[in-house]
N, C-alpha and C. Protein backbone atom coordinates (compact mmCIF):
# COMPACT_ATOMS: atom_id res chain seq x y z
N MET A 1 23.34 -15.02 1.31
CA MET A 1 23.07 -14.10 2.38
C MET A 1 21.57 -13.81 2.45
N GLU A 2 21.05 -13.79 3.64
CA GLU A 2 19.63 -13.56 3.85
C GLU A 2 19.28 -12.09 3.59
N LYS A 3 18.09 -11.88 3.06
CA LYS A 3 17.62 -10.52 2.78
C LYS A 3 17.42 -9.76 4.09
N SER A 4 17.51 -8.43 3.97
CA SER A 4 17.16 -7.58 5.11
C SER A 4 15.64 -7.46 5.19
N ALA A 5 15.15 -6.94 6.29
CA ALA A 5 13.71 -6.73 6.43
C ALA A 5 13.21 -5.74 5.39
N VAL A 6 14.03 -4.74 5.07
CA VAL A 6 13.66 -3.75 4.04
C VAL A 6 13.54 -4.44 2.69
N GLN A 7 14.48 -5.30 2.36
CA GLN A 7 14.42 -6.03 1.09
C GLN A 7 13.21 -6.96 1.05
N CYS A 8 12.88 -7.57 2.17
CA CYS A 8 11.68 -8.41 2.23
C CYS A 8 10.43 -7.56 1.99
N PHE A 9 10.42 -6.35 2.53
CA PHE A 9 9.29 -5.45 2.32
C PHE A 9 9.15 -5.09 0.85
N THR A 10 10.26 -4.72 0.19
CA THR A 10 10.15 -4.36 -1.24
C THR A 10 9.80 -5.59 -2.08
N SER A 11 10.27 -6.76 -1.68
CA SER A 11 9.87 -8.00 -2.38
C SER A 11 8.37 -8.24 -2.22
N ALA A 12 7.85 -7.96 -1.03
CA ALA A 12 6.41 -8.12 -0.79
C ALA A 12 5.61 -7.14 -1.65
N LEU A 13 6.12 -5.94 -1.81
CA LEU A 13 5.46 -4.97 -2.69
C LEU A 13 5.41 -5.48 -4.13
N LYS A 14 6.53 -6.04 -4.59
CA LYS A 14 6.57 -6.59 -5.96
C LYS A 14 5.57 -7.74 -6.09
N GLU A 15 5.52 -8.59 -5.08
CA GLU A 15 4.58 -9.71 -5.09
C GLU A 15 3.14 -9.20 -5.14
N TRP A 16 2.85 -8.17 -4.34
CA TRP A 16 1.50 -7.59 -4.34
C TRP A 16 1.16 -7.06 -5.73
N ASP A 17 2.09 -6.38 -6.37
CA ASP A 17 1.85 -5.86 -7.72
C ASP A 17 1.58 -7.01 -8.69
N LYS A 18 2.35 -8.08 -8.54
CA LYS A 18 2.19 -9.23 -9.43
C LYS A 18 0.80 -9.86 -9.28
N VAL A 19 0.33 -10.00 -8.06
CA VAL A 19 -0.95 -10.68 -7.86
C VAL A 19 -2.16 -9.76 -8.02
N THR A 20 -1.96 -8.44 -7.98
CA THR A 20 -3.10 -7.53 -8.12
C THR A 20 -3.05 -6.73 -9.42
N GLY A 21 -1.93 -6.75 -10.12
CA GLY A 21 -1.76 -5.94 -11.33
C GLY A 21 -2.79 -6.21 -12.40
N GLU A 22 -3.28 -7.42 -12.46
CA GLU A 22 -4.24 -7.80 -13.50
C GLU A 22 -5.65 -7.31 -13.22
N ILE A 23 -5.95 -6.98 -11.96
CA ILE A 23 -7.34 -6.63 -11.64
C ILE A 23 -7.66 -5.16 -11.83
N GLY A 24 -6.63 -4.35 -12.12
CA GLY A 24 -6.87 -2.96 -12.50
C GLY A 24 -7.32 -2.03 -11.40
N GLY A 25 -6.82 -2.21 -10.20
CA GLY A 25 -7.19 -1.33 -9.09
C GLY A 25 -6.17 -0.22 -8.90
N THR A 26 -5.52 -0.22 -7.76
CA THR A 26 -4.53 0.79 -7.42
C THR A 26 -3.31 0.66 -8.31
N PRO A 27 -2.94 1.73 -9.02
CA PRO A 27 -1.70 1.66 -9.81
C PRO A 27 -0.49 1.48 -8.88
N PHE A 28 0.38 0.57 -9.24
CA PHE A 28 1.55 0.26 -8.41
C PHE A 28 2.41 1.51 -8.20
N ASN A 29 2.56 2.32 -9.25
CA ASN A 29 3.39 3.52 -9.10
C ASN A 29 2.78 4.50 -8.11
N SER A 30 1.46 4.53 -7.97
CA SER A 30 0.82 5.39 -6.97
C SER A 30 1.14 4.92 -5.56
N LEU A 31 1.10 3.61 -5.36
CA LEU A 31 1.44 3.07 -4.05
C LEU A 31 2.91 3.35 -3.71
N LEU A 32 3.80 3.17 -4.69
CA LEU A 32 5.22 3.44 -4.45
C LEU A 32 5.46 4.92 -4.18
N HIS A 33 4.75 5.78 -4.87
CA HIS A 33 4.85 7.23 -4.63
C HIS A 33 4.40 7.55 -3.20
N PHE A 34 3.31 6.96 -2.77
CA PHE A 34 2.82 7.15 -1.41
C PHE A 34 3.88 6.73 -0.39
N ILE A 35 4.49 5.56 -0.59
CA ILE A 35 5.50 5.07 0.35
C ILE A 35 6.70 6.01 0.37
N ASN A 36 7.13 6.46 -0.80
CA ASN A 36 8.25 7.40 -0.84
C ASN A 36 7.91 8.69 -0.10
N CYS A 37 6.68 9.16 -0.21
CA CYS A 37 6.26 10.35 0.53
C CYS A 37 6.29 10.09 2.03
N GLU A 38 5.92 8.90 2.45
CA GLU A 38 5.95 8.55 3.87
C GLU A 38 7.39 8.56 4.41
N LEU A 39 8.34 8.21 3.58
CA LEU A 39 9.73 8.10 4.01
C LEU A 39 10.52 9.40 3.90
N CYS A 40 9.96 10.40 3.29
CA CYS A 40 10.73 11.55 2.89
C CYS A 40 10.14 12.87 3.40
N ASP A 41 11.00 13.75 3.88
CA ASP A 41 10.54 15.09 4.28
C ASP A 41 10.05 15.89 3.08
N ASP A 42 10.78 15.76 1.99
CA ASP A 42 10.53 16.56 0.80
C ASP A 42 10.17 15.65 -0.37
N PRO A 43 8.89 15.58 -0.72
CA PRO A 43 8.49 14.69 -1.81
C PRO A 43 9.13 15.05 -3.15
N LEU A 44 9.68 16.25 -3.25
CA LEU A 44 10.33 16.64 -4.50
C LEU A 44 11.72 16.03 -4.63
N GLU A 45 12.19 15.34 -3.58
CA GLU A 45 13.50 14.70 -3.63
C GLU A 45 13.56 13.57 -4.65
N PHE A 46 12.43 13.00 -5.00
CA PHE A 46 12.45 11.90 -5.95
C PHE A 46 11.61 12.26 -7.17
N SER A 47 11.93 11.61 -8.26
CA SER A 47 11.32 11.93 -9.54
C SER A 47 9.95 11.28 -9.69
N CYS A 48 9.00 12.06 -10.17
CA CYS A 48 7.66 11.52 -10.44
C CYS A 48 7.66 10.68 -11.71
N SER A 49 8.68 10.85 -12.53
CA SER A 49 8.74 10.09 -13.78
C SER A 49 9.60 8.82 -13.64
N ALA A 50 10.01 8.51 -12.42
CA ALA A 50 10.84 7.33 -12.19
C ALA A 50 10.06 6.05 -12.50
N THR A 51 10.79 5.02 -12.90
CA THR A 51 10.16 3.72 -13.14
C THR A 51 9.83 3.08 -11.78
N ASN A 52 9.01 2.06 -11.81
CA ASN A 52 8.68 1.35 -10.58
C ASN A 52 9.93 0.74 -9.94
N GLN A 53 10.83 0.24 -10.76
CA GLN A 53 12.07 -0.35 -10.25
C GLN A 53 12.91 0.72 -9.55
N GLU A 54 12.96 1.92 -10.14
CA GLU A 54 13.72 3.02 -9.52
C GLU A 54 13.06 3.46 -8.21
N ARG A 55 11.74 3.48 -8.19
CA ARG A 55 11.04 3.86 -6.96
C ARG A 55 11.27 2.83 -5.85
N LEU A 56 11.26 1.56 -6.20
CA LEU A 56 11.56 0.52 -5.21
C LEU A 56 12.98 0.68 -4.67
N LYS A 57 13.91 1.00 -5.54
CA LYS A 57 15.29 1.22 -5.12
C LYS A 57 15.38 2.46 -4.22
N ASP A 58 14.61 3.51 -4.56
CA ASP A 58 14.55 4.71 -3.70
C ASP A 58 14.04 4.36 -2.30
N ILE A 59 13.03 3.50 -2.25
CA ILE A 59 12.47 3.08 -0.96
C ILE A 59 13.56 2.34 -0.16
N GLU A 60 14.25 1.42 -0.81
CA GLU A 60 15.33 0.69 -0.13
C GLU A 60 16.44 1.63 0.33
N ASN A 61 16.87 2.52 -0.56
CA ASN A 61 17.96 3.43 -0.22
C ASN A 61 17.58 4.37 0.91
N ARG A 62 16.40 4.94 0.85
CA ARG A 62 15.96 5.87 1.89
C ARG A 62 15.82 5.12 3.23
N SER A 63 15.28 3.92 3.17
CA SER A 63 15.12 3.11 4.38
C SER A 63 16.48 2.80 5.00
N MET A 64 17.44 2.40 4.18
CA MET A 64 18.76 2.07 4.71
C MET A 64 19.46 3.31 5.25
N TYR A 65 19.23 4.46 4.63
CA TYR A 65 19.77 5.71 5.16
C TYR A 65 19.20 5.97 6.56
N LEU A 66 17.90 5.82 6.69
CA LEU A 66 17.26 6.06 7.99
C LEU A 66 17.78 5.08 9.04
N ILE A 67 18.00 3.85 8.63
CA ILE A 67 18.46 2.82 9.57
C ILE A 67 19.92 3.05 9.96
N LYS A 68 20.77 3.27 8.98
CA LYS A 68 22.20 3.36 9.26
C LYS A 68 22.64 4.74 9.73
N LYS A 69 22.13 5.77 9.11
CA LYS A 69 22.60 7.13 9.45
C LYS A 69 21.77 7.81 10.53
N GLN A 70 20.47 7.57 10.51
CA GLN A 70 19.59 8.20 11.49
C GLN A 70 19.27 7.28 12.66
N ARG A 71 19.74 6.04 12.58
CA ARG A 71 19.60 5.05 13.66
C ARG A 71 18.15 4.69 14.00
N VAL A 72 17.34 4.66 12.96
CA VAL A 72 15.97 4.18 13.12
C VAL A 72 16.04 2.65 13.11
N ARG A 73 15.39 2.01 14.05
CA ARG A 73 15.41 0.54 14.09
C ARG A 73 14.70 -0.02 12.86
N GLU A 74 15.33 -0.97 12.22
CA GLU A 74 14.78 -1.56 11.01
C GLU A 74 13.42 -2.19 11.27
N THR A 75 13.27 -2.87 12.39
CA THR A 75 11.98 -3.50 12.69
C THR A 75 10.88 -2.45 12.83
N PHE A 76 11.20 -1.33 13.46
CA PHE A 76 10.22 -0.25 13.61
C PHE A 76 9.86 0.33 12.26
N LEU A 77 10.86 0.60 11.44
CA LEU A 77 10.62 1.21 10.13
C LEU A 77 9.78 0.30 9.23
N VAL A 78 10.17 -0.95 9.13
CA VAL A 78 9.46 -1.87 8.23
C VAL A 78 8.04 -2.12 8.74
N THR A 79 7.89 -2.28 10.04
CA THR A 79 6.54 -2.46 10.60
C THR A 79 5.69 -1.22 10.32
N SER A 80 6.28 -0.05 10.44
CA SER A 80 5.55 1.20 10.16
C SER A 80 5.14 1.27 8.69
N LEU A 81 6.04 0.86 7.80
CA LEU A 81 5.71 0.87 6.36
C LEU A 81 4.61 -0.13 6.03
N ILE A 82 4.67 -1.30 6.64
CA ILE A 82 3.62 -2.30 6.44
C ILE A 82 2.28 -1.72 6.88
N ASN A 83 2.26 -1.11 8.07
CA ASN A 83 1.02 -0.52 8.58
C ASN A 83 0.53 0.63 7.71
N SER A 84 1.44 1.42 7.15
CA SER A 84 1.05 2.51 6.26
C SER A 84 0.40 1.99 4.99
N VAL A 85 0.98 0.95 4.41
CA VAL A 85 0.39 0.36 3.19
C VAL A 85 -0.98 -0.23 3.51
N THR A 86 -1.08 -0.92 4.63
CA THR A 86 -2.35 -1.52 5.04
C THR A 86 -3.41 -0.43 5.21
N LYS A 87 -3.04 0.65 5.87
CA LYS A 87 -3.98 1.76 6.08
C LYS A 87 -4.36 2.41 4.75
N PHE A 88 -3.39 2.60 3.86
CA PHE A 88 -3.63 3.16 2.53
C PHE A 88 -4.69 2.34 1.80
N LEU A 89 -4.54 1.02 1.82
CA LEU A 89 -5.49 0.14 1.11
C LEU A 89 -6.84 0.10 1.82
N ASP A 90 -6.83 0.18 3.14
CA ASP A 90 -8.07 0.22 3.91
C ASP A 90 -8.85 1.50 3.61
N ILE A 91 -8.15 2.62 3.55
CA ILE A 91 -8.79 3.89 3.22
C ILE A 91 -9.35 3.85 1.80
N LYS A 92 -8.64 3.14 0.92
CA LYS A 92 -9.13 3.02 -0.46
C LYS A 92 -10.47 2.29 -0.51
N ILE A 93 -10.64 1.29 0.35
CA ILE A 93 -11.93 0.60 0.43
C ILE A 93 -13.00 1.58 0.88
N ASP A 94 -12.71 2.32 1.94
CA ASP A 94 -13.68 3.29 2.45
C ASP A 94 -14.03 4.35 1.42
N SER A 95 -13.02 4.87 0.71
CA SER A 95 -13.31 5.92 -0.28
C SER A 95 -14.08 5.36 -1.46
N THR A 96 -13.83 4.09 -1.80
CA THR A 96 -14.60 3.45 -2.87
C THR A 96 -16.06 3.34 -2.45
N LEU A 97 -16.30 2.95 -1.21
CA LEU A 97 -17.67 2.85 -0.72
C LEU A 97 -18.35 4.21 -0.71
N ASP A 98 -17.63 5.25 -0.29
CA ASP A 98 -18.19 6.61 -0.30
C ASP A 98 -18.53 7.05 -1.71
N LYS A 99 -17.63 6.77 -2.64
CA LYS A 99 -17.84 7.15 -4.04
C LYS A 99 -19.06 6.43 -4.62
N ILE A 100 -19.23 5.20 -4.21
CA ILE A 100 -20.36 4.41 -4.69
C ILE A 100 -21.68 4.93 -4.12
N GLN A 101 -21.68 5.31 -2.85
CA GLN A 101 -22.91 5.73 -2.19
C GLN A 101 -23.36 7.13 -2.59
N MET A 102 -22.44 7.99 -2.98
CA MET A 102 -22.79 9.37 -3.33
C MET A 102 -23.82 9.46 -4.45
N PRO A 103 -23.63 8.79 -5.60
CA PRO A 103 -24.65 8.89 -6.66
C PRO A 103 -26.01 8.35 -6.21
N ASN A 104 -26.00 7.32 -5.37
CA ASN A 104 -27.27 6.79 -4.88
C ASN A 104 -28.02 7.83 -4.06
N LYS A 105 -27.31 8.63 -3.27
CA LYS A 105 -27.94 9.68 -2.49
C LYS A 105 -28.50 10.77 -3.39
N ILE A 106 -27.76 11.11 -4.43
CA ILE A 106 -28.22 12.12 -5.38
C ILE A 106 -29.43 11.62 -6.14
N ASP A 107 -29.37 10.34 -6.56
CA ASP A 107 -30.47 9.75 -7.32
C ASP A 107 -31.79 9.83 -6.58
N LYS A 108 -31.77 9.65 -5.30
CA LYS A 108 -33.01 9.66 -4.52
C LYS A 108 -33.75 10.98 -4.67
N ASN A 109 -33.01 12.05 -4.89
CA ASN A 109 -33.63 13.37 -4.99
C ASN A 109 -33.99 13.77 -6.41
N HIS A 110 -33.41 13.14 -7.43
CA HIS A 110 -33.53 13.68 -8.78
C HIS A 110 -34.10 12.75 -9.85
N GLU A 111 -34.25 11.49 -9.60
CA GLU A 111 -34.67 10.59 -10.68
C GLU A 111 -36.08 10.08 -10.47
N GLU A 112 -36.70 9.79 -11.57
CA GLU A 112 -38.01 9.15 -11.53
C GLU A 112 -37.81 7.70 -11.13
N LYS A 113 -38.86 7.10 -10.60
CA LYS A 113 -38.76 5.73 -10.11
C LYS A 113 -38.34 4.75 -11.20
N SER A 114 -38.87 4.87 -12.41
CA SER A 114 -38.55 3.93 -13.48
C SER A 114 -37.09 4.07 -13.94
N GLN A 115 -36.61 5.30 -14.03
CA GLN A 115 -35.22 5.53 -14.41
C GLN A 115 -34.28 5.03 -13.32
N LYS A 116 -34.70 5.22 -12.11
CA LYS A 116 -33.89 4.85 -10.95
C LYS A 116 -33.61 3.34 -10.93
N LEU A 117 -34.60 2.55 -11.25
CA LEU A 117 -34.45 1.11 -11.23
C LEU A 117 -33.34 0.67 -12.19
N HIS A 118 -33.40 1.15 -13.44
CA HIS A 118 -32.39 0.79 -14.43
C HIS A 118 -31.01 1.33 -14.01
N SER A 119 -30.96 2.56 -13.57
CA SER A 119 -29.72 3.21 -13.15
C SER A 119 -29.08 2.47 -11.97
N ASN A 120 -29.89 2.09 -10.98
CA ASN A 120 -29.37 1.41 -9.80
C ASN A 120 -28.81 0.03 -10.13
N GLU A 121 -29.43 -0.66 -11.08
CA GLU A 121 -28.91 -1.97 -11.47
C GLU A 121 -27.49 -1.83 -12.03
N TYR A 122 -27.29 -0.82 -12.89
CA TYR A 122 -25.97 -0.59 -13.45
C TYR A 122 -24.98 -0.18 -12.35
N LYS A 123 -25.41 0.74 -11.50
CA LYS A 123 -24.53 1.21 -10.42
C LYS A 123 -24.16 0.08 -9.48
N ASP A 124 -25.11 -0.81 -9.23
CA ASP A 124 -24.82 -1.95 -8.35
C ASP A 124 -23.74 -2.84 -8.96
N LEU A 125 -23.82 -3.07 -10.28
CA LEU A 125 -22.80 -3.88 -10.94
C LEU A 125 -21.43 -3.21 -10.85
N VAL A 126 -21.39 -1.91 -11.17
CA VAL A 126 -20.13 -1.18 -11.13
C VAL A 126 -19.60 -1.10 -9.71
N SER A 127 -20.48 -0.76 -8.77
CA SER A 127 -20.03 -0.58 -7.39
C SER A 127 -19.54 -1.89 -6.80
N ASN A 128 -20.21 -3.00 -7.11
CA ASN A 128 -19.74 -4.29 -6.61
C ASN A 128 -18.36 -4.62 -7.17
N ALA A 129 -18.15 -4.31 -8.43
CA ALA A 129 -16.85 -4.57 -9.04
C ALA A 129 -15.76 -3.72 -8.38
N GLU A 130 -16.04 -2.43 -8.17
CA GLU A 130 -15.06 -1.55 -7.53
C GLU A 130 -14.78 -1.98 -6.09
N LYS A 131 -15.84 -2.33 -5.36
CA LYS A 131 -15.67 -2.80 -3.98
C LYS A 131 -14.81 -4.06 -3.95
N ASN A 132 -15.11 -4.96 -4.86
CA ASN A 132 -14.38 -6.23 -4.90
C ASN A 132 -12.91 -6.03 -5.23
N VAL A 133 -12.62 -5.11 -6.15
CA VAL A 133 -11.23 -4.84 -6.49
C VAL A 133 -10.49 -4.27 -5.28
N ALA A 134 -11.07 -3.28 -4.62
CA ALA A 134 -10.44 -2.67 -3.45
C ALA A 134 -10.23 -3.70 -2.34
N LYS A 135 -11.25 -4.51 -2.09
CA LYS A 135 -11.13 -5.53 -1.05
C LYS A 135 -10.10 -6.59 -1.43
N ASN A 136 -10.09 -6.97 -2.71
CA ASN A 136 -9.13 -7.96 -3.18
C ASN A 136 -7.70 -7.47 -2.97
N GLU A 137 -7.43 -6.21 -3.32
CA GLU A 137 -6.10 -5.64 -3.12
C GLU A 137 -5.72 -5.68 -1.64
N TYR A 138 -6.64 -5.28 -0.79
CA TYR A 138 -6.39 -5.23 0.64
C TYR A 138 -6.09 -6.64 1.18
N PHE A 139 -6.93 -7.61 0.84
CA PHE A 139 -6.74 -8.95 1.38
C PHE A 139 -5.52 -9.66 0.79
N LYS A 140 -5.18 -9.35 -0.45
CA LYS A 140 -3.94 -9.90 -1.02
C LYS A 140 -2.74 -9.36 -0.25
N TRP A 141 -2.77 -8.05 0.08
CA TRP A 141 -1.68 -7.46 0.85
C TRP A 141 -1.59 -8.13 2.23
N LYS A 142 -2.73 -8.28 2.89
CA LYS A 142 -2.74 -8.90 4.22
C LYS A 142 -2.19 -10.33 4.15
N SER A 143 -2.50 -11.05 3.10
CA SER A 143 -2.01 -12.41 2.92
C SER A 143 -0.49 -12.42 2.73
N ILE A 144 0.02 -11.50 1.91
CA ILE A 144 1.46 -11.41 1.69
C ILE A 144 2.17 -11.06 3.00
N VAL A 145 1.61 -10.11 3.74
CA VAL A 145 2.21 -9.73 5.03
C VAL A 145 2.24 -10.94 5.97
N ALA A 146 1.14 -11.67 6.03
CA ALA A 146 1.08 -12.83 6.93
C ALA A 146 2.11 -13.90 6.53
N ASN A 147 2.30 -14.08 5.24
CA ASN A 147 3.22 -15.13 4.78
C ASN A 147 4.67 -14.70 4.74
N ASP A 148 4.93 -13.45 4.32
CA ASP A 148 6.31 -13.03 4.06
C ASP A 148 6.86 -12.00 5.04
N LEU A 149 5.99 -11.33 5.78
CA LEU A 149 6.44 -10.24 6.63
C LEU A 149 5.90 -10.37 8.06
N SER A 150 5.95 -11.58 8.57
CA SER A 150 5.46 -11.78 9.94
C SER A 150 6.31 -10.98 10.92
N GLU A 151 5.73 -10.65 12.06
CA GLU A 151 6.46 -9.89 13.08
C GLU A 151 7.75 -10.61 13.48
N GLU A 152 7.68 -11.93 13.61
CA GLU A 152 8.86 -12.70 14.01
C GLU A 152 9.97 -12.58 12.97
N LYS A 153 9.59 -12.67 11.70
CA LYS A 153 10.59 -12.58 10.64
C LYS A 153 11.21 -11.19 10.59
N ILE A 154 10.39 -10.16 10.68
CA ILE A 154 10.90 -8.78 10.66
C ILE A 154 11.83 -8.56 11.85
N GLU A 155 11.43 -9.05 13.01
CA GLU A 155 12.25 -8.90 14.22
C GLU A 155 13.58 -9.62 14.06
N ARG A 156 13.55 -10.84 13.52
CA ARG A 156 14.77 -11.62 13.32
C ARG A 156 15.69 -10.93 12.32
N LEU A 157 15.13 -10.49 11.19
CA LEU A 157 15.96 -9.83 10.18
C LEU A 157 16.46 -8.47 10.67
N GLY A 158 15.61 -7.74 11.36
CA GLY A 158 15.98 -6.43 11.86
C GLY A 158 17.01 -6.47 12.95
N SER A 159 17.06 -7.55 13.70
CA SER A 159 18.02 -7.63 14.80
C SER A 159 19.45 -7.84 14.30
N ARG A 160 19.60 -8.17 13.04
CA ARG A 160 20.95 -8.33 12.47
C ARG A 160 21.68 -6.99 12.38
N LEU A 161 20.93 -5.91 12.23
CA LEU A 161 21.55 -4.59 12.12
C LEU A 161 21.56 -3.93 13.49
N LYS A 162 22.58 -4.19 14.23
CA LYS A 162 22.72 -3.61 15.56
C LYS A 162 23.41 -2.26 15.45
N CYS A 163 23.11 -1.38 16.39
CA CYS A 163 23.77 -0.08 16.41
C CYS A 163 24.69 -0.05 17.63
N PRO A 164 26.00 -0.37 17.46
CA PRO A 164 26.90 -0.50 18.59
C PRO A 164 27.07 0.80 19.37
N ALA A 165 26.94 1.95 18.73
CA ALA A 165 27.10 3.21 19.44
C ALA A 165 26.05 3.39 20.52
N LEU A 166 24.89 2.77 20.31
CA LEU A 166 23.79 2.88 21.27
C LEU A 166 23.67 1.66 22.17
N ASN A 167 24.50 0.64 21.89
CA ASN A 167 24.44 -0.62 22.64
C ASN A 167 23.05 -1.23 22.65
N CYS A 168 22.42 -1.25 21.51
CA CYS A 168 21.08 -1.86 21.45
C CYS A 168 21.10 -3.16 20.69
């Protein structure tokens, strides 16, 4: 039996964790917590101490509840979740750049020229590494989405769950 669009989404999340887990950027449990918050009115409904596997199951269960009981279209929900993750990672790039630029602005006002040179070399190395990690996570996600979660595939998988009461 073919996976649902929701299952493809959670598989894509697992794949993203697998390919980015080694680079030490965004903790996978933080991303899963964010997604659960996006899906839920009350973030206290789920446990903060849950394992990643339990959080993925919570995402699937909550998504299926919204689809079956609340009649949210699966294609709409999964596309919205994909866009939320993409935005989350995009914002992470921006916040990393802001974090990197802040010390440089402070340094201009407080350091001697000789100290500044040595300090900036170190900051450049650290900031480039942080920027690269954030960008790597973002582009790996975009690649997974392009390969595993194309609009056509989500539409095809989502169309299997019809809501007869609404004749859609």
